[in-house]
Amino acid sequence: MLKGMSEKREHPNAPLHGVTLEKMLNELVDFYGWDDMACRIRINCFAKDPSVKSSLKFLRKTPWARYKVEDLYKHFKQVE
């Protein structure tokens, strides 16, 4: 079997497959709001003058914070 074919079979089962960080962030902010996001994930980009653009910049270069957003998004999608 070709490598690319096996990878395609694995990814559709991954909970975040096809979901961009921007889409996750927008859905979470629409549902929770910035204040609740700042309480759930304690990072300054959610608490002080928050914006999607500045948050994405921080999350893309800070793996531990991105993982927290991804975990919250997975939980959000299970509850939804």
N, C-alpha and C. Protein backbone atom coordinates (compact mmCIF):
# COMPACT_ATOMS: atom_id res chain seq x y z
N MET A 1 0.85 -1.18 0.00
CA MET A 1 0.00 0.00 0.00
C MET A 1 0.89 1.24 0.00
N LEU A 2 0.49 2.25 -0.70
CA LEU A 2 1.25 3.49 -0.77
C LEU A 2 1.15 4.25 0.54
N LYS A 3 2.24 4.94 0.87
CA LYS A 3 2.27 5.68 2.12
C LYS A 3 1.14 6.72 2.20
N GLY A 4 0.93 7.47 1.16
CA GLY A 4 -0.10 8.51 1.15
C GLY A 4 -1.49 7.95 1.36
N MET A 5 -1.75 6.75 0.86
CA MET A 5 -3.07 6.15 1.01
C MET A 5 -3.34 5.77 2.45
N SER A 6 -2.34 5.22 3.14
CA SER A 6 -2.56 4.83 4.53
C SER A 6 -2.74 6.06 5.41
N GLU A 7 -2.02 7.14 5.10
CA GLU A 7 -2.17 8.36 5.88
C GLU A 7 -3.58 8.93 5.74
N LYS A 8 -4.15 8.87 4.55
CA LYS A 8 -5.50 9.39 4.34
C LYS A 8 -6.52 8.60 5.13
N ARG A 9 -6.29 7.33 5.31
CA ARG A 9 -7.22 6.52 6.09
C ARG A 9 -7.14 6.85 7.57
N GLU A 10 -5.96 7.22 8.05
CA GLU A 10 -5.79 7.52 9.48
C GLU A 10 -6.38 8.88 9.85
N HIS A 11 -6.18 9.88 9.03
CA HIS A 11 -6.56 11.23 9.40
C HIS A 11 -8.05 11.49 9.54
N PRO A 12 -8.92 10.91 8.73
CA PRO A 12 -10.34 11.22 8.91
C PRO A 12 -10.89 10.86 10.29
N ASN A 13 -10.24 9.95 10.98
CA ASN A 13 -10.69 9.56 12.31
C ASN A 13 -10.14 10.50 13.39
N ALA A 14 -9.15 11.30 13.05
CA ALA A 14 -8.58 12.24 14.01
C ALA A 14 -9.60 13.35 14.28
N PRO A 15 -9.82 13.69 15.54
CA PRO A 15 -10.87 14.66 15.87
C PRO A 15 -10.65 16.06 15.31
N LEU A 16 -9.41 16.43 15.03
CA LEU A 16 -9.14 17.77 14.53
C LEU A 16 -8.83 17.80 13.04
N HIS A 17 -9.03 16.69 12.37
CA HIS A 17 -8.72 16.62 10.94
C HIS A 17 -9.53 17.64 10.15
N GLY A 18 -8.82 18.47 9.39
CA GLY A 18 -9.48 19.45 8.54
C GLY A 18 -9.94 20.71 9.24
N VAL A 19 -9.64 20.85 10.53
CA VAL A 19 -10.06 22.02 11.29
C VAL A 19 -8.85 22.92 11.50
N THR A 20 -8.92 24.14 11.02
CA THR A 20 -7.80 25.06 11.19
C THR A 20 -7.83 25.65 12.59
N LEU A 21 -6.69 26.13 13.02
CA LEU A 21 -6.59 26.79 14.31
C LEU A 21 -7.51 28.02 14.35
N GLU A 22 -7.58 28.73 13.25
CA GLU A 22 -8.45 29.91 13.17
C GLU A 22 -9.92 29.53 13.34
N LYS A 23 -10.33 28.45 12.70
CA LYS A 23 -11.73 27.99 12.83
C LYS A 23 -12.03 27.59 14.27
N MET A 24 -11.10 26.86 14.90
CA MET A 24 -11.27 26.47 16.30
C MET A 24 -11.45 27.70 17.18
N LEU A 25 -10.53 28.64 17.01
CA LEU A 25 -10.56 29.84 17.84
C LEU A 25 -11.84 30.63 17.64
N ASN A 26 -12.25 30.81 16.40
CA ASN A 26 -13.49 31.55 16.13
C ASN A 26 -14.71 30.87 16.75
N GLU A 27 -14.80 29.56 16.63
CA GLU A 27 -15.94 28.85 17.22
C GLU A 27 -15.94 28.95 18.74
N LEU A 28 -14.76 28.80 19.33
CA LEU A 28 -14.67 28.88 20.79
C LEU A 28 -15.02 30.28 21.30
N VAL A 29 -14.51 31.30 20.63
CA VAL A 29 -14.79 32.68 21.05
C VAL A 29 -16.27 33.01 20.83
N ASP A 30 -16.84 32.54 19.75
CA ASP A 30 -18.27 32.78 19.51
C ASP A 30 -19.12 32.15 20.62
N PHE A 31 -18.71 30.98 21.08
CA PHE A 31 -19.49 30.27 22.10
C PHE A 31 -19.20 30.79 23.52
N TYR A 32 -17.91 30.87 23.87
CA TYR A 32 -17.53 31.23 25.24
C TYR A 32 -17.33 32.73 25.45
N GLY A 33 -16.85 33.44 24.44
CA GLY A 33 -16.47 34.84 24.60
C GLY A 33 -15.04 34.93 25.12
N TRP A 34 -14.44 36.10 24.94
CA TRP A 34 -13.04 36.26 25.34
C TRP A 34 -12.83 36.13 26.85
N ASP A 35 -13.74 36.67 27.65
CA ASP A 35 -13.57 36.61 29.11
C ASP A 35 -13.56 35.18 29.61
N ASP A 36 -14.49 34.38 29.14
CA ASP A 36 -14.54 32.97 29.57
C ASP A 36 -13.34 32.20 29.02
N MET A 37 -12.92 32.53 27.81
CA MET A 37 -11.72 31.87 27.25
C MET A 37 -10.51 32.17 28.11
N ALA A 38 -10.40 33.42 28.58
CA ALA A 38 -9.27 33.82 29.43
C ALA A 38 -9.30 33.09 30.77
N CYS A 39 -10.49 32.77 31.26
CA CYS A 39 -10.61 32.01 32.51
C CYS A 39 -10.27 30.54 32.29
N ARG A 40 -10.68 30.00 31.18
CA ARG A 40 -10.45 28.59 30.89
C ARG A 40 -9.01 28.30 30.51
N ILE A 41 -8.41 29.21 29.75
CA ILE A 41 -7.01 29.06 29.33
C ILE A 41 -6.31 30.37 29.68
N ARG A 42 -5.50 30.33 30.70
CA ARG A 42 -4.89 31.55 31.22
C ARG A 42 -3.68 31.99 30.40
N ILE A 43 -3.99 32.73 29.34
CA ILE A 43 -2.94 33.34 28.53
C ILE A 43 -3.35 34.79 28.24
N ASN A 44 -2.37 35.67 28.24
CA ASN A 44 -2.65 37.10 28.11
C ASN A 44 -3.35 37.48 26.82
N CYS A 45 -3.09 36.76 25.74
CA CYS A 45 -3.71 37.16 24.47
C CYS A 45 -5.23 36.99 24.50
N PHE A 46 -5.76 36.24 25.45
CA PHE A 46 -7.20 36.13 25.61
C PHE A 46 -7.74 37.16 26.61
N ALA A 47 -6.87 37.66 27.49
CA ALA A 47 -7.31 38.53 28.57
C ALA A 47 -7.10 40.02 28.29
N LYS A 48 -6.02 40.37 27.63
CA LYS A 48 -5.68 41.78 27.43
C LYS A 48 -5.80 42.16 25.97
N ASP A 49 -6.77 42.98 25.65
CA ASP A 49 -7.02 43.45 24.28
C ASP A 49 -7.03 42.29 23.28
N PRO A 50 -7.92 41.32 23.49
CA PRO A 50 -7.89 40.11 22.65
C PRO A 50 -8.38 40.35 21.22
N SER A 51 -7.78 39.63 20.31
CA SER A 51 -8.23 39.61 18.93
C SER A 51 -7.85 38.25 18.35
N VAL A 52 -8.55 37.84 17.33
CA VAL A 52 -8.24 36.57 16.68
C VAL A 52 -6.85 36.63 16.09
N LYS A 53 -6.52 37.72 15.44
CA LYS A 53 -5.21 37.84 14.79
C LYS A 53 -4.05 37.72 15.78
N SER A 54 -4.11 38.45 16.89
CA SER A 54 -3.01 38.38 17.86
C SER A 54 -2.96 37.03 18.56
N SER A 55 -4.13 36.46 18.81
CA SER A 55 -4.17 35.14 19.45
C SER A 55 -3.59 34.07 18.54
N LEU A 56 -3.93 34.11 17.26
CA LEU A 56 -3.39 33.14 16.32
C LEU A 56 -1.87 33.25 16.23
N LYS A 57 -1.37 34.46 16.21
CA LYS A 57 0.08 34.66 16.15
C LYS A 57 0.75 34.01 17.36
N PHE A 58 0.20 34.23 18.55
CA PHE A 58 0.76 33.64 19.76
C PHE A 58 0.62 32.11 19.76
N LEU A 59 -0.56 31.62 19.42
CA LEU A 59 -0.82 30.18 19.46
C LEU A 59 0.04 29.41 18.46
N ARG A 60 0.32 30.01 17.32
CA ARG A 60 1.12 29.33 16.30
C ARG A 60 2.58 29.17 16.72
N LYS A 61 3.06 30.04 17.59
CA LYS A 61 4.46 29.92 18.01
C LYS A 61 4.60 29.36 19.43
N THR A 62 3.49 29.01 20.07
CA THR A 62 3.52 28.52 21.45
C THR A 62 2.75 27.20 21.54
N PRO A 63 3.45 26.09 21.34
CA PRO A 63 2.77 24.78 21.29
C PRO A 63 1.93 24.45 22.52
N TRP A 64 2.41 24.74 23.73
CA TRP A 64 1.63 24.36 24.91
C TRP A 64 0.29 25.08 24.95
N ALA A 65 0.25 26.33 24.50
CA ALA A 65 -1.01 27.08 24.48
C ALA A 65 -1.93 26.56 23.38
N ARG A 66 -1.35 26.23 22.22
CA ARG A 66 -2.15 25.68 21.12
C ARG A 66 -2.79 24.36 21.54
N TYR A 67 -2.04 23.51 22.25
CA TYR A 67 -2.59 22.23 22.71
C TYR A 67 -3.77 22.45 23.65
N LYS A 68 -3.68 23.47 24.50
CA LYS A 68 -4.81 23.76 25.41
C LYS A 68 -6.05 24.18 24.63
N VAL A 69 -5.86 24.99 23.60
CA VAL A 69 -6.99 25.41 22.75
C VAL A 69 -7.57 24.19 22.03
N GLU A 70 -6.70 23.33 21.51
CA GLU A 70 -7.17 22.13 20.82
C GLU A 70 -7.94 21.22 21.77
N ASP A 71 -7.46 21.06 23.00
CA ASP A 71 -8.17 20.23 23.98
C ASP A 71 -9.54 20.82 24.32
N LEU A 72 -9.59 22.12 24.50
CA LEU A 72 -10.87 22.78 24.79
C LEU A 72 -11.82 22.61 23.61
N TYR A 73 -11.31 22.72 22.40
CA TYR A 73 -12.14 22.56 21.21
C TYR A 73 -12.69 21.14 21.12
N LYS A 74 -11.85 20.14 21.40
CA LYS A 74 -12.32 18.74 21.37
C LYS A 74 -13.45 18.54 22.39
N HIS A 75 -13.27 19.09 23.57
CA HIS A 75 -14.31 18.99 24.61
C HIS A 75 -15.58 19.72 24.17
N PHE A 76 -15.42 20.90 23.61
CA PHE A 76 -16.54 21.71 23.12
C PHE A 76 -17.33 20.93 22.08
N LYS A 77 -16.66 20.26 21.16
CA LYS A 77 -17.34 19.51 20.09
C LYS A 77 -18.05 18.28 20.64
N GLN A 78 -17.54 17.67 21.69
CA GLN A 78 -18.20 16.51 22.30
C GLN A 78 -19.48 16.93 22.99
N VAL A 79 -19.47 18.09 23.63
CA VAL A 79 -20.63 18.57 24.38
C VAL A 79 -21.69 19.12 23.43
N GLU A 80 -21.26 19.71 22.34
CA GLU A 80 -22.17 20.37 21.40
C GLU A 80 -23.20 19.44 20.83
